[in-house]
Amino acid sequence: MYGFQKEEMPKISENNDKYEFTGEYITFEIDGETHTVYRIRAKKDIIDKDGKIIVRKGELGGFIEKEENLDYRSNAWVFDNARIFGDAWVSGNARVYDDAWVYGNARVFGDAWVYDYAKVFDYAWVYGNARVFGYAWVFGYARVFGNAMVFGNAWVYGNARVFGDAWVYDYAKVSGDARIYGIARVFGYARVTKGVWSSGDVIEENDVKEAKRP
């Protein structure tokens, strides 16, 4: 449900000079729970670590459920129609935009970006210079960091780690205790459930990898 001027707005800390809640809200249900997220507005120019203005005072941002979702002491920001809710936390120089969702107990921080229709949820972390985009999902206790990218319709979940300059994309799924790093590429309909796959490895199409790499 979309609406304006909802009576009960989330509380804002006295020290929060970064953003405020507007009267615009969305109420929706996911996994049997109902959430209401509120669009935010910048109270000041937000400047990234390189001195570039990424949001100007008065500009609208995306939606968060409560102040605890978006660190007001950092340069992190949510744009467009993106949503951060539950006990998720976005901080550092991270950006969440387009129609992406970050929720559950997920963490997005550092210089990470989550965008398009991507979802980061459960206890997953995305950080460093990592990028998660397209229709990708990162969930469970997964970690995506470094300069890694997860995109397309890929999933990274379980206790999997994707880092370095690795890419996971198309319809690939990386799960279990798998470690993908270096310049490894996992794509097509590949499934990686355990083992360590590093620089120069290419896992593609219908490959299913379960044994530890020699």
Protein backbone atom coordinates (compact mmCIF):
# COMPACT_ATOMS: atom_id res chain seq x y z
CA MET A 1 0.00 0.00 0.00
CA TYR A 2 1.31 3.42 -0.98
CA GLY A 3 0.33 6.57 0.86
CA PHE A 4 1.15 10.03 2.15
CA GLN A 5 0.95 11.78 5.50
CA LYS A 6 0.98 8.70 7.71
CA GLU A 7 0.42 9.87 11.27
CA GLU A 8 3.05 7.87 13.10
CA MET A 9 6.50 8.58 11.72
CA PRO A 10 9.69 6.88 12.93
CA LYS A 11 11.72 8.80 15.47
CA ILE A 12 14.75 10.81 14.42
CA SER A 13 17.74 11.42 16.70
CA GLU A 14 18.48 15.00 17.69
CA ASN A 15 21.97 14.59 16.22
CA ASN A 16 20.68 13.43 12.86
CA ASP A 17 21.36 16.37 10.55
CA LYS A 18 21.59 14.10 7.50
CA TYR A 19 18.01 13.20 6.63
CA GLU A 20 14.39 13.39 7.69
CA PHE A 21 11.30 11.34 6.97
CA THR A 22 8.71 12.60 4.54
CA GLY A 23 5.04 11.78 4.60
CA GLU A 24 5.37 9.22 1.81
CA TYR A 25 5.27 5.57 2.84
CA ILE A 26 4.80 2.05 1.50
CA THR A 27 3.32 -0.81 3.51
CA PHE A 28 3.97 -4.31 2.22
CA GLU A 29 4.31 -7.91 3.36
CA ILE A 30 7.28 -10.22 2.91
CA ASP A 31 7.90 -13.62 4.49
CA GLY A 32 4.70 -13.28 6.48
CA GLU A 33 5.74 -9.97 8.08
CA THR A 34 4.34 -6.52 7.40
CA HIS A 35 6.72 -3.60 7.00
CA THR A 36 6.19 0.10 6.47
CA VAL A 37 9.02 2.03 4.87
CA TYR A 38 9.23 5.81 4.60
CA ARG A 39 10.84 7.99 1.99
CA ILE A 40 13.63 10.20 3.30
CA ARG A 41 14.81 13.69 2.37
CA ALA A 42 18.36 15.04 2.69
CA LYS A 43 18.75 17.80 5.28
CA LYS A 44 22.16 18.77 3.92
CA ASP A 45 24.45 18.10 0.98
CA ILE A 46 25.94 14.63 1.24
CA ILE A 47 29.51 14.49 0.03
CA ASP A 48 31.43 11.31 -0.74
CA LYS A 49 34.99 10.58 0.33
CA ASP A 50 36.32 12.15 -2.89
CA GLY A 51 34.56 15.43 -2.19
CA LYS A 52 31.79 14.91 -4.76
CA ILE A 53 28.23 15.85 -3.87
CA ILE A 54 26.09 12.76 -4.32
CA VAL A 55 22.89 14.19 -2.82
CA ARG A 56 21.91 17.82 -2.48
CA LYS A 57 20.01 19.29 0.43
CA GLY A 58 16.29 18.87 -0.10
CA GLU A 59 16.55 15.96 -2.52
CA LEU A 60 14.44 12.91 -1.90
CA GLY A 61 16.00 9.56 -1.18
CA GLY A 62 14.64 6.05 -1.12
CA PHE A 63 12.76 4.26 1.66
CA ILE A 64 13.83 3.03 5.09
CA GLU A 65 11.82 1.54 7.92
CA LYS A 66 13.66 3.27 10.77
CA GLU A 67 16.66 5.41 11.48
CA GLU A 68 18.69 2.35 12.46
CA ASN A 69 18.62 1.20 8.83
CA LEU A 70 20.76 4.05 7.47
CA ASP A 71 23.75 5.45 9.34
CA TYR A 72 23.33 9.21 9.69
CA ARG A 73 26.98 9.65 10.70
CA SER A 74 28.29 8.37 7.37
CA ASN A 75 27.93 9.16 3.67
CA ALA A 76 25.76 6.14 2.94
CA TRP A 77 22.53 6.82 1.06
CA VAL A 78 19.47 5.12 -0.35
CA PHE A 79 18.15 6.42 -3.68
CA ASP A 80 15.15 6.12 -5.96
CA ASN A 81 12.66 3.45 -4.84
CA ALA A 82 15.17 1.24 -3.05
CA ARG A 83 14.18 -0.11 0.38
CA ILE A 84 16.12 -0.85 3.54
CA PHE A 85 14.13 -2.47 6.32
CA GLY A 86 14.03 -4.97 9.15
CA ASP A 87 17.29 -4.86 11.08
CA ALA A 88 19.41 -4.22 8.00
CA TRP A 89 22.16 -1.61 8.28
CA VAL A 90 23.75 0.48 5.53
CA SER A 91 26.77 2.59 6.41
CA GLY A 92 30.14 3.90 5.27
CA ASN A 93 30.06 5.15 1.69
CA ALA A 94 27.61 2.48 0.57
CA ARG A 95 24.80 3.17 -1.87
CA VAL A 96 21.52 1.36 -2.40
CA TYR A 97 19.45 2.54 -5.32
CA ASP A 98 17.00 1.80 -8.15
CA ASP A 99 14.58 -0.86 -6.83
CA ALA A 100 17.05 -2.83 -4.71
CA TRP A 101 16.13 -4.20 -1.28
CA VAL A 102 18.37 -4.67 1.75
CA TYR A 103 16.64 -6.32 4.70
CA GLY A 104 16.68 -8.88 7.48
CA ASN A 105 19.97 -8.52 9.34
CA ALA A 106 22.00 -7.73 6.22
CA ARG A 107 24.90 -5.28 6.20
CA VAL A 108 26.06 -3.12 3.28
CA PHE A 109 29.04 -0.91 4.01
CA GLY A 110 32.40 0.33 2.81
CA ASP A 111 32.10 1.53 -0.80
CA ALA A 112 29.67 -1.20 -1.83
CA TRP A 113 26.74 -0.60 -4.19
CA VAL A 114 23.51 -2.58 -4.42
CA TYR A 115 21.23 -1.59 -7.29
CA ASP A 116 18.78 -2.52 -10.05
CA TYR A 117 16.45 -5.16 -8.55
CA ALA A 118 19.05 -6.90 -6.41
CA LYS A 119 18.34 -8.17 -2.91
CA VAL A 120 20.68 -8.56 0.06
CA PHE A 121 19.05 -10.18 3.06
CA ASP A 122 19.25 -12.58 6.00
CA TYR A 123 22.70 -12.14 7.60
CA ALA A 124 24.59 -11.41 4.39
CA TRP A 125 27.30 -8.75 4.14
CA VAL A 126 28.30 -6.79 1.05
CA TYR A 127 31.27 -4.48 1.52
CA GLY A 128 34.55 -3.16 0.18
CA ASN A 129 34.05 -2.09 -3.44
CA ALA A 130 31.65 -4.93 -4.17
CA ARG A 131 28.72 -4.55 -6.57
CA VAL A 132 25.47 -6.52 -6.47
CA PHE A 133 23.04 -5.70 -9.25
CA GLY A 134 20.60 -6.98 -11.83
CA TYR A 135 18.27 -9.49 -10.19
CA ALA A 136 21.00 -11.02 -8.05
CA TRP A 137 20.43 -12.24 -4.49
CA VAL A 138 22.99 -12.42 -1.69
CA PHE A 139 21.61 -14.07 1.43
CA GLY A 140 22.14 -16.53 4.24
CA TYR A 141 25.52 -15.80 5.85
CA ALA A 142 27.21 -15.04 2.54
CA ARG A 143 29.92 -12.41 2.15
CA VAL A 144 30.67 -10.46 -1.03
CA PHE A 145 33.59 -8.05 -0.77
CA GLY A 146 36.73 -6.67 -2.36
CA ASN A 147 36.03 -5.76 -5.98
CA ALA A 148 33.70 -8.71 -6.50
CA MET A 149 30.54 -8.48 -8.57
CA VAL A 150 27.37 -10.56 -8.37
CA PHE A 151 24.84 -9.80 -11.07
CA GLY A 152 22.33 -11.13 -13.54
CA ASN A 153 20.12 -13.67 -11.80
CA ALA A 154 22.94 -15.13 -9.71
CA TRP A 155 22.63 -16.24 -6.09
CA VAL A 156 25.35 -16.26 -3.44
CA TYR A 157 24.22 -17.80 -0.17
CA GLY A 158 24.94 -20.15 2.69
CA ASN A 159 28.44 -19.46 4.02
CA ALA A 160 29.85 -18.71 0.58
CA ARG A 161 32.50 -16.02 0.05
CA VAL A 162 33.00 -14.12 -3.20
CA PHE A 163 35.85 -11.63 -3.14
CA GLY A 164 38.90 -10.25 -4.91
CA ASP A 165 37.95 -9.48 -8.52
CA ALA A 166 35.66 -12.48 -8.91
CA TRP A 167 32.40 -12.37 -10.84
CA VAL A 168 29.31 -14.53 -10.31
CA TYR A 169 26.61 -13.92 -12.88
CA ASP A 170 23.95 -15.24 -15.25
CA TYR A 171 22.00 -17.94 -13.35
CA ALA A 172 24.97 -19.24 -11.38
CA LYS A 173 24.61 -20.22 -7.73
CA VAL A 174 27.43 -20.23 -5.19
CA SER A 175 26.60 -21.70 -1.80
CA GLY A 176 27.78 -23.85 1.07
CA ASP A 177 31.37 -23.10 2.07
CA ALA A 178 32.52 -22.21 -1.44
CA ARG A 179 35.22 -19.58 -1.88
CA ILE A 180 35.40 -17.70 -5.19
CA TYR A 181 38.17 -15.13 -5.51
CA GLY A 182 40.94 -13.66 -7.64
CA ILE A 183 39.66 -13.24 -11.20
CA ALA A 184 37.50 -16.37 -11.13
CA ARG A 185 34.30 -16.31 -13.19
CA VAL A 186 31.21 -18.35 -12.33
CA PHE A 187 28.39 -18.03 -14.84
CA GLY A 188 25.79 -19.76 -16.98
CA TYR A 189 23.92 -22.30 -14.88
CA ALA A 190 26.96 -23.28 -12.83
CA ARG A 191 26.55 -24.50 -9.27
CA VAL A 192 29.41 -24.27 -6.79
CA THR A 193 28.70 -25.71 -3.36
CA LYS A 194 32.12 -26.14 -1.80
CA GLY A 195 35.81 -25.81 -2.51
CA VAL A 196 38.16 -22.96 -3.34
CA TRP A 197 38.20 -21.48 -6.82
CA SER A 198 40.67 -18.76 -7.60
CA SER A 199 42.47 -16.75 -10.28
CA GLY A 200 41.95 -18.02 -13.80
CA ASP A 201 39.20 -20.49 -12.93
CA VAL A 202 36.19 -20.43 -15.21
CA ILE A 203 33.11 -22.32 -14.10
CA GLU A 204 30.38 -22.16 -16.68
CA GLU A 205 27.21 -23.50 -18.16
CA ASN A 206 26.01 -26.61 -16.34
CA ASP A 207 29.18 -27.35 -14.38
CA VAL A 208 28.60 -28.56 -10.86
CA LYS A 209 31.65 -28.23 -8.67
CA GLU A 210 31.77 -29.96 -5.30
CA ALA A 211 35.33 -31.20 -4.91
CA LYS A 212 38.14 -29.08 -3.56
CA ARG A 213 40.24 -27.59 -6.33
CA PRO A 214 43.62 -29.40 -6.63
